[in-house]
Each structure stands twice: as C-alpha cells, then as structure tokens.
PDB file of N, CA and C in Angstrom:
ATOM      1  N   MET A   1      -7.480  29.158   6.080  1.00  0.00           N
ATOM      2  CA  MET A   1      -8.868  28.712   5.534  1.00  0.00           C
ATOM      3  C   MET A   1      -8.655  28.716   3.736  1.00  0.00           C
ATOM      4  N   CYS A   2      -9.016  27.543   3.035  1.00  0.00           N
ATOM      5  CA  CYS A   2      -8.744  27.260   1.584  1.00  0.00           C
ATOM      6  C   CYS A   2      -9.895  27.431   1.111  1.00  0.00           C
ATOM      7  N   ASN A   3      -9.569  28.341   0.044  1.00  0.00           N
ATOM      8  CA  ASN A   3     -10.711  28.601  -0.955  1.00  0.00           C
ATOM      9  C   ASN A   3     -10.893  27.598  -1.956  1.00  0.00           C
ATOM     10  N   LEU A   4     -12.142  27.562  -2.947  1.00  0.00           N
ATOM     11  CA  LEU A   4     -12.202  26.724  -3.709  1.00  0.00           C
ATOM     12  C   LEU A   4     -11.026  26.592  -5.017  1.00  0.00           C
ATOM     13  N   ASN A   5     -10.761  27.659  -5.099  1.00  0.00           N
ATOM     14  CA  ASN A   5      -9.631  28.019  -6.008  1.00  0.00           C
ATOM     15  C   ASN A   5      -8.723  27.192  -5.809  1.00  0.00           C
ATOM     16  N   ASN A   6      -8.136  27.232  -4.759  1.00  0.00           N
ATOM     17  CA  ASN A   6      -6.849  26.400  -4.229  1.00  0.00           C
ATOM     18  C   ASN A   6      -7.343  24.977  -4.222  1.00  0.00           C
ATOM     19  N   ILE A   7      -8.326  24.423  -4.069  1.00  0.00           N
ATOM     20  CA  ILE A   7      -8.316  23.204  -4.212  1.00  0.00           C
ATOM     21  C   ILE A   7      -8.373  22.674  -5.738  1.00  0.00           C
ATOM     22  N   TYR A   8      -8.652  23.604  -6.559  1.00  0.00           N
ATOM     23  CA  TYR A   8      -8.782  23.206  -7.916  1.00  0.00           C
ATOM     24  C   TYR A   8      -7.149  22.941  -8.242  1.00  0.00           C
ATOM     25  N   SER A   9      -6.264  24.304  -7.953  1.00  0.00           N
ATOM     26  CA  SER A   9      -4.986  24.034  -7.995  1.00  0.00           C
ATOM     27  C   SER A   9      -4.150  23.100  -7.491  1.00  0.00           C
ATOM     28  N   LEU A  10      -4.515  22.500  -6.436  1.00  0.00           N
ATOM     29  CA  LEU A  10      -4.364  21.486  -5.751  1.00  0.00           C
ATOM     30  C   LEU A  10      -4.535  20.251  -6.574  1.00  0.00           C
ATOM     31  N   LEU A  11      -5.699  20.089  -6.897  1.00  0.00           N
ATOM     32  CA  LEU A  11      -5.880  18.771  -7.800  1.00  0.00           C
ATOM     33  C   LEU A  11      -5.312  18.694  -9.483  1.00  0.00           C
ATOM     34  N   GLY A  12      -5.287  20.152  -9.802  1.00  0.00           N
ATOM     35  CA  GLY A  12      -4.439  20.328 -11.016  1.00  0.00           C
ATOM     36  C   GLY A  12      -2.585  19.758 -10.759  1.00  0.00           C
ATOM     37  N   ALA A  13      -2.149  20.298  -9.678  1.00  0.00           N
ATOM     38  CA  ALA A  13      -0.884  19.727  -9.176  1.00  0.00           C
ATOM     39  C   ALA A  13      -0.846  18.302  -9.238  1.00  0.00           C
ATOM     40  N   TRP A  14      -1.701  17.500  -8.359  1.00  0.00           N
ATOM     41  CA  TRP A  14      -2.005  16.173  -8.179  1.00  0.00           C
ATOM     42  C   TRP A  14      -2.231  15.337  -9.363  1.00  0.00           C
ATOM     43  N   GLU A  15      -2.596  15.836 -10.322  1.00  0.00           N
ATOM     44  CA  GLU A  15      -3.148  15.277 -11.906  1.00  0.00           C
ATOM     45  C   GLU A  15      -1.625  15.039 -12.285  1.00  0.00           C
ATOM     46  N   ASP A  16      -0.901  16.564 -12.437  1.00  0.00           N
ATOM     47  CA  ASP A  16       0.104  16.489 -12.898  1.00  0.00           C
ATOM     48  C   ASP A  16       1.040  15.545 -12.782  1.00  0.00           C
ATOM     49  N   LEU A  17       1.399  15.587 -11.374  1.00  0.00           N
ATOM     50  CA  LEU A  17       2.340  14.665 -10.791  1.00  0.00           C
ATOM     51  C   LEU A  17       2.019  12.899 -10.873  1.00  0.00           C
ATOM     52  N   VAL A  18       0.900  12.703 -10.934  1.00  0.00           N
ATOM     53  CA  VAL A  18       0.174  11.143 -11.537  1.00  0.00           C
ATOM     54  C   VAL A  18       0.856  11.353 -12.785  1.00  0.00           C
ATOM     55  N   ARG A  19       0.483  12.071 -13.696  1.00  0.00           N
ATOM     56  CA  ARG A  19       0.585  11.944 -15.320  1.00  0.00           C
ATOM     57  C   ARG A  19       2.288  11.701 -15.354  1.00  0.00           C
ATOM     58  N   GLU A  20       2.870  12.632 -14.540  1.00  0.00           N
ATOM     59  CA  GLU A  20       3.829  12.461 -14.789  1.00  0.00           C
ATOM     60  C   GLU A  20       5.179  11.045 -14.417  1.00  0.00           C
ATOM     61  N   CYS A  21       4.372  10.490 -13.289  1.00  0.00           N
ATOM     62  CA  CYS A  21       4.690   9.055 -12.506  1.00  0.00           C
ATOM     63  C   CYS A  21       4.186   7.954 -13.897  1.00  0.00           C
ATOM     64  N   THR A  22       3.128   8.381 -14.463  1.00  0.00           N
ATOM     65  CA  THR A  22       2.517   7.363 -15.576  1.00  0.00           C
ATOM     66  C   THR A  22       3.679   6.940 -16.466  1.00  0.00           C
ATOM     67  N   VAL A  23       4.312   7.871 -16.858  1.00  0.00           N
ATOM     68  CA  VAL A  23       5.278   8.167 -17.993  1.00  0.00           C
ATOM     69  C   VAL A  23       6.770   7.788 -17.341  1.00  0.00           C
ATOM     70  N   GLY A  24       6.702   7.775 -16.275  1.00  0.00           N
ATOM     71  CA  GLY A  24       7.915   7.376 -15.526  1.00  0.00           C
ATOM     72  C   GLY A  24       8.818   8.804 -14.808  1.00  0.00           C
ATOM     73  N   TYR A  25       8.555   8.794 -13.614  1.00  0.00           N
ATOM     74  CA  TYR A  25       9.272  10.093 -12.798  1.00  0.00           C
ATOM     75  C   TYR A  25      10.694  10.121 -13.256  1.00  0.00           C
ATOM     76  N   ASP A  26      10.871  11.202 -13.467  1.00  0.00           N
ATOM     77  CA  ASP A  26      12.384  11.467 -13.949  1.00  0.00           C
ATOM     78  C   ASP A  26      13.055  12.173 -12.828  1.00  0.00           C
ATOM     79  N   SER A  27      12.929  11.944 -11.638  1.00  0.00           N
ATOM     80  CA  SER A  27      13.999  12.515 -10.747  1.00  0.00           C
ATOM     81  C   SER A  27      14.178  11.640  -9.585  1.00  0.00           C
ATOM     82  N   ASN A  28      14.760  11.762  -8.443  1.00  0.00           N
ATOM     83  CA  ASN A  28      14.950  10.952  -7.502  1.00  0.00           C
ATOM     84  C   ASN A  28      14.331  11.007  -6.387  1.00  0.00           C
ATOM     85  N   ILE A  29      14.342   9.855  -5.431  1.00  0.00           N
ATOM     86  CA  ILE A  29      13.211   9.488  -4.496  1.00  0.00           C
ATOM     87  C   ILE A  29      12.812  10.570  -3.640  1.00  0.00           C
ATOM     88  N   PHE A  30      13.999  11.336  -3.452  1.00  0.00           N
ATOM     89  CA  PHE A  30      13.588  12.450  -2.321  1.00  0.00           C
ATOM     90  C   PHE A  30      12.841  13.679  -3.005  1.00  0.00           C
ATOM     91  N   GLU A  31      13.150  14.179  -4.456  1.00  0.00           N
ATOM     92  CA  GLU A  31      12.322  14.879  -4.788  1.00  0.00           C
ATOM     93  C   GLU A  31      10.672  14.395  -5.033  1.00  0.00           C
ATOM     94  N   PHE A  32      10.796  13.020  -5.372  1.00  0.00           N
ATOM     95  CA  PHE A  32       9.401  12.520  -5.286  1.00  0.00           C
ATOM     96  C   PHE A  32       8.539  12.616  -4.126  1.00  0.00           C
ATOM     97  N   ASP A  33       9.372  12.284  -3.091  1.00  0.00           N
ATOM     98  CA  ASP A  33       8.726  12.916  -1.718  1.00  0.00           C
ATOM     99  C   ASP A  33       8.089  14.218  -1.407  1.00  0.00           C
ATOM    100  N   TYR A  34       8.804  15.161  -1.919  1.00  0.00           N
ATOM    101  CA  TYR A  34       8.695  16.639  -1.593  1.00  0.00           C
ATOM    102  C   TYR A  34       7.639  16.721  -2.672  1.00  0.00           C
ATOM    103  N   ASP A  35       7.602  16.281  -4.115  1.00  0.00           N
ATOM    104  CA  ASP A  35       6.655  16.273  -4.915  1.00  0.00           C
ATOM    105  C   ASP A  35       4.836  16.016  -4.251  1.00  0.00           C
ATOM    106  N   PHE A  36       5.402  14.408  -3.987  1.00  0.00           N
ATOM    107  CA  PHE A  36       4.091  14.210  -3.193  1.00  0.00           C
ATOM    108  C   PHE A  36       3.250  14.652  -1.716  1.00  0.00           C
ATOM    109  N   LYS A  37       4.203  15.619  -1.533  1.00  0.00           N
ATOM    110  CA  LYS A  37       3.176  16.171  -0.438  1.00  0.00           C
ATOM    111  C   LYS A  37       2.085  16.783  -0.765  1.00  0.00           C
ATOM    112  N   ILE A  38       2.195  17.511  -2.140  1.00  0.00           N
ATOM    113  CA  ILE A  38       0.674  17.671  -2.801  1.00  0.00           C
ATOM    114  C   ILE A  38      -0.362  16.931  -2.116  1.00  0.00           C
ATOM    115  N   ARG A  39      -0.118  15.794  -2.207  1.00  0.00           N
ATOM    116  CA  ARG A  39      -1.396  14.558  -1.588  1.00  0.00           C
ATOM    117  C   ARG A  39      -2.186  15.177  -0.241  1.00  0.00           C
ATOM    118  N   ALA A  40      -0.890  15.079   0.661  1.00  0.00           N
ATOM    119  CA  ALA A  40      -0.988  15.559   1.742  1.00  0.00           C
ATOM    120  C   ALA A  40      -1.525  17.005   2.198  1.00  0.00           C
ATOM    121  N   ASP A  41      -1.274  17.972   1.003  1.00  0.00           N
ATOM    122  CA  ASP A  41      -1.998  18.800   1.110  1.00  0.00           C
ATOM    123  C   ASP A  41      -3.659  19.165   1.139  1.00  0.00           C
ATOM    124  N   ILE A  42      -3.731  18.013   0.032  1.00  0.00           N
ATOM    125  CA  ILE A  42      -5.313  17.839  -0.252  1.00  0.00           C
ATOM    126  C   ILE A  42      -6.128  17.462   0.837  1.00  0.00           C
ATOM    127  N   ALA A  43      -5.566  16.481   1.196  1.00  0.00           N
ATOM    128  CA  ALA A  43      -6.199  16.019   2.530  1.00  0.00           C
ATOM    129  C   ALA A  43      -6.419  17.133   3.895  1.00  0.00           C
ATOM    130  N   GLU A  44      -5.422  17.777   3.531  1.00  0.00           N
ATOM    131  CA  GLU A  44      -5.821  18.948   4.756  1.00  0.00           C
ATOM    132  C   GLU A  44      -6.808  19.763   4.694  1.00  0.00           C
ATOM    133  N   VAL A  45      -6.698  20.386   3.080  1.00  0.00           N
ATOM    134  CA  VAL A  45      -7.886  20.760   3.017  1.00  0.00           C
ATOM    135  C   VAL A  45      -9.086  20.408   3.245  1.00  0.00           C
ATOM    136  N   LEU A  46      -8.873  19.237   2.552  1.00  0.00           N
ATOM    137  CA  LEU A  46     -10.413  18.424   2.536  1.00  0.00           C
ATOM    138  C   LEU A  46     -10.973  18.316   4.472  1.00  0.00           C
ATOM    139  N   SER A  47      -9.840  17.904   5.169  1.00  0.00           N
ATOM    140  CA  SER A  47     -10.028  18.121   6.556  1.00  0.00           C
ATOM    141  C   SER A  47     -10.273  19.527   6.993  1.00  0.00           C
ATOM    142  N   ALA A  48     -10.140  20.515   6.701  1.00  0.00           N
ATOM    143  CA  ALA A  48     -10.446  21.532   6.945  1.00  0.00           C
ATOM    144  C   ALA A  48     -11.904  21.986   6.517  1.00  0.00           C
ATOM    145  N   GLN A  49     -12.189  21.312   5.169  1.00  0.00           N
ATOM    146  CA  GLN A  49     -13.795  21.413   4.808  1.00  0.00           C
ATOM    147  C   GLN A  49     -14.844  20.399   5.056  1.00  0.00           C
ATOM    148  N   ASN A  50     -14.269  19.666   6.363  1.00  0.00           N
ATOM    149  CA  ASN A  50     -15.006  18.602   6.576  1.00  0.00           C
ATOM    150  C   ASN A  50     -15.289  17.403   5.603  1.00  0.00           C
ATOM    151  N   GLY A  51     -14.190  17.277   5.009  1.00  0.00           N
ATOM    152  CA  GLY A  51     -14.365  16.352   3.509  1.00  0.00           C
ATOM    153  C   GLY A  51     -15.347  16.975   2.659  1.00  0.00           C
ATOM    154  N   GLU A  52     -16.224  17.983   2.615  1.00  0.00           N
ATOM    155  CA  GLU A  52     -17.078  18.563   1.811  1.00  0.00           C
ATOM    156  C   GLU A  52     -16.447  18.838   0.539  1.00  0.00           C
ATOM    157  N   LEU A  53     -16.947  18.009  -0.827  1.00  0.00           N
ATOM    158  CA  LEU A  53     -16.504  18.603  -1.969  1.00  0.00           C
ATOM    159  C   LEU A  53     -17.226  18.432  -3.196  1.00  0.00           C
ATOM    160  N   ASP A  54     -17.460  19.612  -3.864  1.00  0.00           N
ATOM    161  CA  ASP A  54     -18.012  19.606  -4.859  1.00  0.00           C
ATOM    162  C   ASP A  54     -18.265  17.815  -5.435  1.00  0.00           C
ATOM    163  N   GLU A  55     -19.343  17.440  -5.873  1.00  0.00           N
ATOM    164  CA  GLU A  55     -19.118  15.898  -6.528  1.00  0.00           C
ATOM    165  C   GLU A  55     -18.292  15.900  -7.650  1.00  0.00           C
ATOM    166  N   GLN A  56     -18.132  16.467  -8.519  1.00  0.00           N
ATOM    167  CA  GLN A  56     -17.307  16.770  -9.662  1.00  0.00           C
ATOM    168  C   GLN A  56     -15.824  16.720  -9.066  1.00  0.00           C
ATOM    169  N   VAL A  57     -15.261  17.191  -8.582  1.00  0.00           N
ATOM    170  CA  VAL A  57     -13.833  17.312  -7.738  1.00  0.00           C
ATOM    171  C   VAL A  57     -13.745  16.179  -6.865  1.00  0.00           C
ATOM    172  N   SER A  58     -14.725  15.853  -6.237  1.00  0.00           N
ATOM    173  CA  SER A  58     -14.873  14.490  -5.658  1.00  0.00           C
ATOM    174  C   SER A  58     -14.297  12.926  -6.241  1.00  0.00           C
ATOM    175  N   ARG A  59     -15.316  13.246  -7.508  1.00  0.00           N
ATOM    176  CA  ARG A  59     -15.081  12.233  -8.464  1.00  0.00           C
ATOM    177  C   ARG A  59     -13.775  12.242  -9.078  1.00  0.00           C
ATOM    178  N   ARG A  60     -13.538  13.228  -9.493  1.00  0.00           N
ATOM    179  CA  ARG A  60     -12.198  13.235 -10.035  1.00  0.00           C
ATOM    180  C   ARG A  60     -10.870  13.278  -9.171  1.00  0.00           C
ATOM    181  N   LEU A  61     -11.094  13.461  -8.044  1.00  0.00           N
ATOM    182  CA  LEU A  61      -9.881  13.211  -6.963  1.00  0.00           C
ATOM    183  C   LEU A  61      -9.622  11.597  -6.832  1.00  0.00           C
ATOM    184  N   LYS A  62     -11.011  10.908  -6.940  1.00  0.00           N
ATOM    185  CA  LYS A  62     -10.842   9.536  -6.751  1.00  0.00           C
ATOM    186  C   LYS A  62     -10.365   9.033  -7.629  1.00  0.00           C
ATOM    187  N   GLU A  63     -10.908   9.425  -9.137  1.00  0.00           N
ATOM    188  CA  GLU A  63     -10.123   8.957 -10.416  1.00  0.00           C
ATOM    189  C   GLU A  63      -8.484   9.114 -10.218  1.00  0.00           C
ATOM    190  N   ILE A  64      -7.923  10.531  -9.979  1.00  0.00           N
ATOM    191  CA  ILE A  64      -7.030  10.449  -9.984  1.00  0.00           C
ATOM    192  C   ILE A  64      -5.852   9.339  -8.840  1.00  0.00           C
ATOM    193  N   ASP A  65      -6.549   9.524  -7.943  1.00  0.00           N
ATOM    194  CA  ASP A  65      -6.003   8.554  -6.425  1.00  0.00           C
ATOM    195  C   ASP A  65      -6.164   7.039  -6.950  1.00  0.00           C
ATOM    196  N   ASN A  66      -7.035   6.400  -7.777  1.00  0.00           N
ATOM    197  CA  ASN A  66      -6.787   5.092  -8.099  1.00  0.00           C
ATOM    198  C   ASN A  66      -5.895   4.966  -9.365  1.00  0.00           C
ATOM    199  N   ASP A  67      -5.971   6.057 -10.032  1.00  0.00           N
ATOM    200  CA  ASP A  67      -4.584   5.827 -11.443  1.00  0.00           C
ATOM    201  C   ASP A  67      -3.304   5.722 -10.584  1.00  0.00           C
ATOM    202  N   PHE A  68      -3.286   6.315  -9.455  1.00  0.00           N
ATOM    203  CA  PHE A  68      -1.998   6.639  -8.806  1.00  0.00           C
ATOM    204  C   PHE A  68      -1.656   5.236  -8.134  1.00  0.00           C
ATOM    205  N   LEU A  69      -2.713   4.454  -7.305  1.00  0.00           N
ATOM    206  CA  LEU A  69      -2.657   3.233  -6.573  1.00  0.00           C
ATOM    207  C   LEU A  69      -1.946   2.349  -7.640  1.00  0.00           C
ATOM    208  N   LYS A  70      -2.569   2.364  -8.947  1.00  0.00           N
ATOM    209  CA  LYS A  70      -2.180   1.118  -9.866  1.00  0.00           C
ATOM    210  C   LYS A  70      -0.297   1.660 -10.048  1.00  0.00           C
ATOM    211  N   LEU A  71       0.263   2.540  -9.435  1.00  0.00           N
ATOM    212  CA  LEU A  71       1.542   2.533 -10.038  1.00  0.00           C
ATOM    213  C   LEU A  71       2.411   2.103  -8.922  1.00  0.00           C
ATOM    214  N   LEU A  72       1.753   1.753  -7.874  1.00  0.00           N
ATOM    215  CA  LEU A  72       2.804   1.774  -6.341  1.00  0.00           C
ATOM    216  C   LEU A  72       2.718   0.379  -5.853  1.00  0.00           C
ATOM    217  N   MET A  73       4.335   0.157  -5.474  1.00  0.00           N
ATOM    218  CA  MET A  73       4.615  -0.885  -4.592  1.00  0.00           C
ATOM    219  C   MET A  73       4.901  -0.645  -3.515  1.00  0.00           C
ATOM    220  N   PHE A  74       3.703  -0.800  -2.482  1.00  0.00           N
ATOM    221  CA  PHE A  74       3.721  -0.701  -0.931  1.00  0.00           C
ATOM    222  C   PHE A  74       5.216  -1.793  -0.489  1.00  0.00           C
ATOM    223  N   LEU A  75       5.896  -0.988   0.626  1.00  0.00           N
ATOM    224  CA  LEU A  75       6.993  -1.753   1.344  1.00  0.00           C
ATOM    225  C   LEU A  75       6.297  -2.005   2.907  1.00  0.00           C
ATOM    226  N   ASP A  76       5.190  -1.905   2.909  1.00  0.00           N
ATOM    227  CA  ASP A  76       4.607  -2.154   4.285  1.00  0.00           C
ATOM    228  C   ASP A  76       3.391  -2.632   3.848  1.00  0.00           C
ATOM    229  N   GLU A  77       2.969  -3.503   5.119  1.00  0.00           N
ATOM    230  CA  GLU A  77       1.696  -3.891   5.342  1.00  0.00           C
ATOM    231  C   GLU A  77       0.281  -3.657   5.867  1.00  0.00           C
ATOM    232  N   ARG A  78       0.600  -1.931   6.438  1.00  0.00           N
ATOM    233  CA  ARG A  78      -0.526  -1.262   7.045  1.00  0.00           C
ATOM    234  C   ARG A  78      -1.266  -0.840   6.331  1.00  0.00           C
ATOM    235  N   GLU A  79      -2.270  -1.634   5.800  1.00  0.00           N
ATOM    236  CA  GLU A  79      -3.351  -1.599   5.137  1.00  0.00           C
ATOM    237  C   GLU A  79      -4.303  -0.548   5.447  1.00  0.00           C
ATOM    238  N   GLU A  80      -4.413  -0.596   6.905  1.00  0.00           N
ATOM    239  CA  GLU A  80      -5.521   0.205   7.627  1.00  0.00           C
ATOM    240  C   GLU A  80      -5.195   1.826   7.514  1.00  0.00           C
ATOM    241  N   LEU A  81      -3.888   1.927   6.838  1.00  0.00           N
ATOM    242  CA  LEU A  81      -3.830   3.407   6.569  1.00  0.00           C
ATOM    243  C   LEU A  81      -4.219   3.852   5.208  1.00  0.00           C
ATOM    244  N   LEU A  82      -4.279   5.056   5.064  1.00  0.00           N
ATOM    245  CA  LEU A  82      -4.280   5.946   4.278  1.00  0.00           C
ATOM    246  C   LEU A  82      -3.132   5.736   3.087  1.00  0.00           C
ATOM    247  N   PHE A  83      -3.376   5.604   1.932  1.00  0.00           N
ATOM    248  CA  PHE A  83      -1.909   5.241   1.221  1.00  0.00           C
ATOM    249  C   PHE A  83      -1.069   6.046   1.388  1.00  0.00           C
ATOM    250  N   TRP A  84      -1.111   7.433   1.448  1.00  0.00           N
ATOM    251  CA  TRP A  84      -0.360   8.636   1.193  1.00  0.00           C
ATOM    252  C   TRP A  84       0.187   8.513   3.002  1.00  0.00           C
ATOM    253  N   ASP A  85      -0.383   7.537   3.667  1.00  0.00           N
ATOM    254  CA  ASP A  85       0.339   7.711   4.934  1.00  0.00           C
ATOM    255  C   ASP A  85       1.523   6.329   5.082  1.00  0.00           C
ATOM    256  N   ARG A  86       1.487   5.497   3.933  1.00  0.00           N
ATOM    257  CA  ARG A  86       1.998   4.068   3.820  1.00  0.00           C
ATOM    258  C   ARG A  86       3.640   4.545   3.237  1.00  0.00           C
ATOM    259  N   LYS A  87       4.425   3.305   3.318  1.00  0.00           N
ATOM    260  CA  LYS A  87       5.656   3.515   2.923  1.00  0.00           C
ATOM    261  C   LYS A  87       5.474   2.811   1.390  1.00  0.00           C
ATOM    262  N   PHE A  88       5.985   3.300   0.358  1.00  0.00           N
ATOM    263  CA  PHE A  88       5.967   3.227  -1.096  1.00  0.00           C
ATOM    264  C   PHE A  88       6.715   3.376  -1.834  1.00  0.00           C
ATOM    265  N   VAL A  89       7.141   2.954  -3.236  1.00  0.00           N
ATOM    266  CA  VAL A  89       7.695   3.434  -3.968  1.00  0.00           C
ATOM    267  C   VAL A  89       6.999   3.357  -5.409  1.00  0.00           C
ATOM    268  N   LEU A  90       7.219   3.697  -6.049  1.00  0.00           N
ATOM    269  CA  LEU A  90       6.723   3.741  -8.061  1.00  0.00           C
ATOM    270  C   LEU A  90       7.161   2.385  -7.990  1.00  0.00           C
ATOM    271  N   LYS A  91       6.428   1.978  -8.928  1.00  0.00           N
ATOM    272  CA  LYS A  91       7.201   0.337  -9.439  1.00  0.00           C
ATOM    273  C   LYS A  91       7.720   0.578 -11.075  1.00  0.00           C
ATOM    274  N   PHE A  92       8.098   1.871 -11.362  1.00  0.00           N
ATOM    275  CA  PHE A  92       8.573   1.943 -12.144  1.00  0.00           C
ATOM    276  C   PHE A  92       9.278   3.561 -12.313  1.00  0.00           C
ATOM    277  N   GLY A  93      10.500   3.971 -13.088  1.00  0.00           N
ATOM    278  CA  GLY A  93      10.772   5.476 -13.181  1.00  0.00           C
ATOM    279  C   GLY A  93      11.780   5.453 -13.912  1.00  0.00           C
ATOM    280  N   SER A  94      12.458   6.715 -14.077  1.00  0.00           N
ATOM    281  CA  SER A  94      13.525   6.860 -14.668  1.00  0.00           C
ATOM    282  C   SER A  94      14.999   6.285 -14.044  1.00  0.00           C
ATOM    283  N   LYS A  95      15.825   6.182 -14.790  1.00  0.00           N
ATOM    284  CA  LYS A  95      17.023   5.522 -14.090  1.00  0.00           C
ATOM    285  C   LYS A  95      17.375   6.438 -12.995  1.00  0.00           C
ATOM    286  N   GLU A  96      17.407   7.285 -12.949  1.00  0.00           N
ATOM    287  CA  GLU A  96      17.875   8.001 -11.271  1.00  0.00           C
ATOM    288  C   GLU A  96      16.657   8.108  -9.895  1.00  0.00           C
ATOM    289  N   TYR A  97      15.279   7.520 -10.596  1.00  0.00           N
ATOM    290  CA  TYR A  97      14.627   7.194  -9.694  1.00  0.00           C
ATOM    291  C   TYR A  97      14.702   6.152  -9.083  1.00  0.00           C
ATOM    292  N   ALA A  98      15.124   5.049 -10.099  1.00  0.00           N
ATOM    293  CA  ALA A  98      15.008   3.656  -9.571  1.00  0.00           C
ATOM    294  C   ALA A  98      16.519   3.284  -8.884  1.00  0.00           C
ATOM    295  N   SER A  99      17.585   4.008  -9.478  1.00  0.00           N
ATOM    296  CA  SER A  99      18.865   3.965  -8.543  1.00  0.00           C
ATOM    297  C   SER A  99      18.390   4.593  -6.964  1.00  0.00           C
ATOM    298  N   SER A 100      18.020   5.785  -6.941  1.00  0.00           N
ATOM    299  CA  SER A 100      17.444   6.120  -5.462  1.00  0.00           C
ATOM    300  C   SER A 100      16.858   5.345  -5.125  1.00  0.00           C
ATOM    301  N   VAL A 101      15.855   4.935  -5.352  1.00  0.00           N
ATOM    302  CA  VAL A 101      14.752   4.097  -4.384  1.00  0.00           C
ATOM    303  C   VAL A 101      15.890   2.362  -4.124  1.00  0.00           C
ATOM    304  N   PHE A 102      16.706   2.010  -5.077  1.00  0.00           N
ATOM    305  CA  PHE A 102      17.285   1.220  -4.648  1.00  0.00           C
ATOM    306  C   PHE A 102      18.599   1.252  -4.041  1.00  0.00           C
ATOM    307  N   GLU A 103      19.032   2.363  -3.627  1.00  0.00           N
ATOM    308  CA  GLU A 103      20.226   2.902  -2.616  1.00  0.00           C
ATOM    309  C   GLU A 103      19.257   3.252  -1.465  1.00  0.00           C
ATOM    310  N   THR A 104      18.066   3.630  -1.376  1.00  0.00           N
ATOM    311  CA  THR A 104      17.506   3.910   0.121  1.00  0.00           C
ATOM    312  C   THR A 104      16.787   2.503   0.525  1.00  0.00           C
ATOM    313  N   PHE A 105      16.058   1.809  -0.466  1.00  0.00           N
ATOM    314  CA  PHE A 105      15.484   0.681   0.095  1.00  0.00           C
ATOM    315  C   PHE A 105      15.444  -0.985  -0.260  1.00  0.00           C
ATOM    316  N   LYS A 106      16.697  -0.767  -0.951  1.00  0.00           N
ATOM    317  CA  LYS A 106      17.179  -1.840  -1.786  1.00  0.00           C
ATOM    318  C   LYS A 106      16.026  -2.892  -2.771  1.00  0.00           C
ATOM    319  N   VAL A 107      15.332  -1.796  -2.663  1.00  0.00           N
ATOM    320  CA  VAL A 107      14.157  -2.404  -3.879  1.00  0.00           C
ATOM    321  C   VAL A 107      14.382  -2.027  -5.421  1.00  0.00           C
ATOM    322  N   THR A 108      14.429  -3.069  -6.346  1.00  0.00           N
ATOM    323  CA  THR A 108      14.305  -2.828  -7.656  1.00  0.00           C
ATOM    324  C   THR A 108      13.070  -2.302  -8.201  1.00  0.00           C
ATOM    325  N   VAL A 109      13.096  -1.053  -8.985  1.00  0.00           N
ATOM    326  CA  VAL A 109      11.835  -0.907  -9.870  1.00  0.00           C
ATOM    327  C   VAL A 109      12.408  -0.902 -11.109  1.00  0.00           C
ATOM    328  N   GLU A 110      11.145  -1.159 -12.039  1.00  0.00           N
ATOM    329  CA  GLU A 110      11.445  -0.754 -13.552  1.00  0.00           C
ATOM    330  C   GLU A 110      12.192   0.537 -13.911  1.00  0.00           C
ATOM    331  N   ILE A 111      12.949   0.457 -14.787  1.00  0.00           N
ATOM    332  CA  ILE A 111      13.627   1.425 -15.454  1.00  0.00           C
ATOM    333  C   ILE A 111      12.587   1.941 -16.878  1.00  0.00           C
ATOM    334  N   LEU A 112      12.277   3.345 -16.665  1.00  0.00           N
ATOM    335  CA  LEU A 112      11.684   3.483 -18.108  1.00  0.00           C
ATOM    336  C   LEU A 112      12.386   4.413 -18.832  1.00  0.00           C
ATOM    337  N   GLU A 113      12.437   4.531 -20.189  1.00  0.00           N
ATOM    338  CA  GLU A 113      13.673   5.014 -20.980  1.00  0.00           C
ATOM    339  C   GLU A 113      12.556   6.331 -21.321  1.00  0.00           C
ATOM    340  N   GLN A 114      13.403   7.623 -21.016  1.00  0.00           N
ATOM    341  CA  GLN A 114      12.660   8.714 -21.242  1.00  0.00           C
ATOM    342  C   GLN A 114      12.742   9.140 -22.373  1.00  0.00           C
TER     343      GLN A 114
END
C-alpha cells in the first residue's frame, strides 16, 4: 500500500518529466517509454486509494496532465482510453528523440536544439 509521501514523490517525478518534455526530451523513445511509466504508477496508487486524493494534490495532478497533453501527438484514434493507455509521441524533442520516433513509427517530430 502506498503512503502519502509516495504520492508526493511520484507527483514530483511526473512534474519533472513533463518539464523536461516541455523543453525537449533529450533521449530516445525507449527511454521515454520507461520514464513515462511514472504516470502509470500514479494511476496504480490512485486505484489502490480508490481515487481519493487530497484536493490540492488532485488539482496539481490535473494541471500537470493537462500540460503534458499539450505536448502529445496521438498515433491512434482510441479516444475512449486514458491518455497513458494510448499510442502517442511527443510533438518535439531532441535530435535523438526525433530520430528514434521516426525509426520506430515513421512519424516526424520537431527537433528542439538543446
């Protein structure tokens, strides 16, 4: 079972990842997929707590999620799914990220210079 400190730690890690994505994720898509698992971990904790969160934490999570959604290009049309269960790439990232996205999905994303 997860304690409150764990949700704050997960939320901080999620916020850090979204901040990194905002300025251009600087690794390949496989590293991104690994880093992105933090959002699934948050969902798992929420499920274990029956979705009950402190209002301030809940509001902050929603803000971070909304910021992240602005960065995404969805590769599927499965809108009924939660965003973390869908197939997507970031709209932009480092040269390494963009290259790995193209190699994997044949999708072009904008390269941000670091």
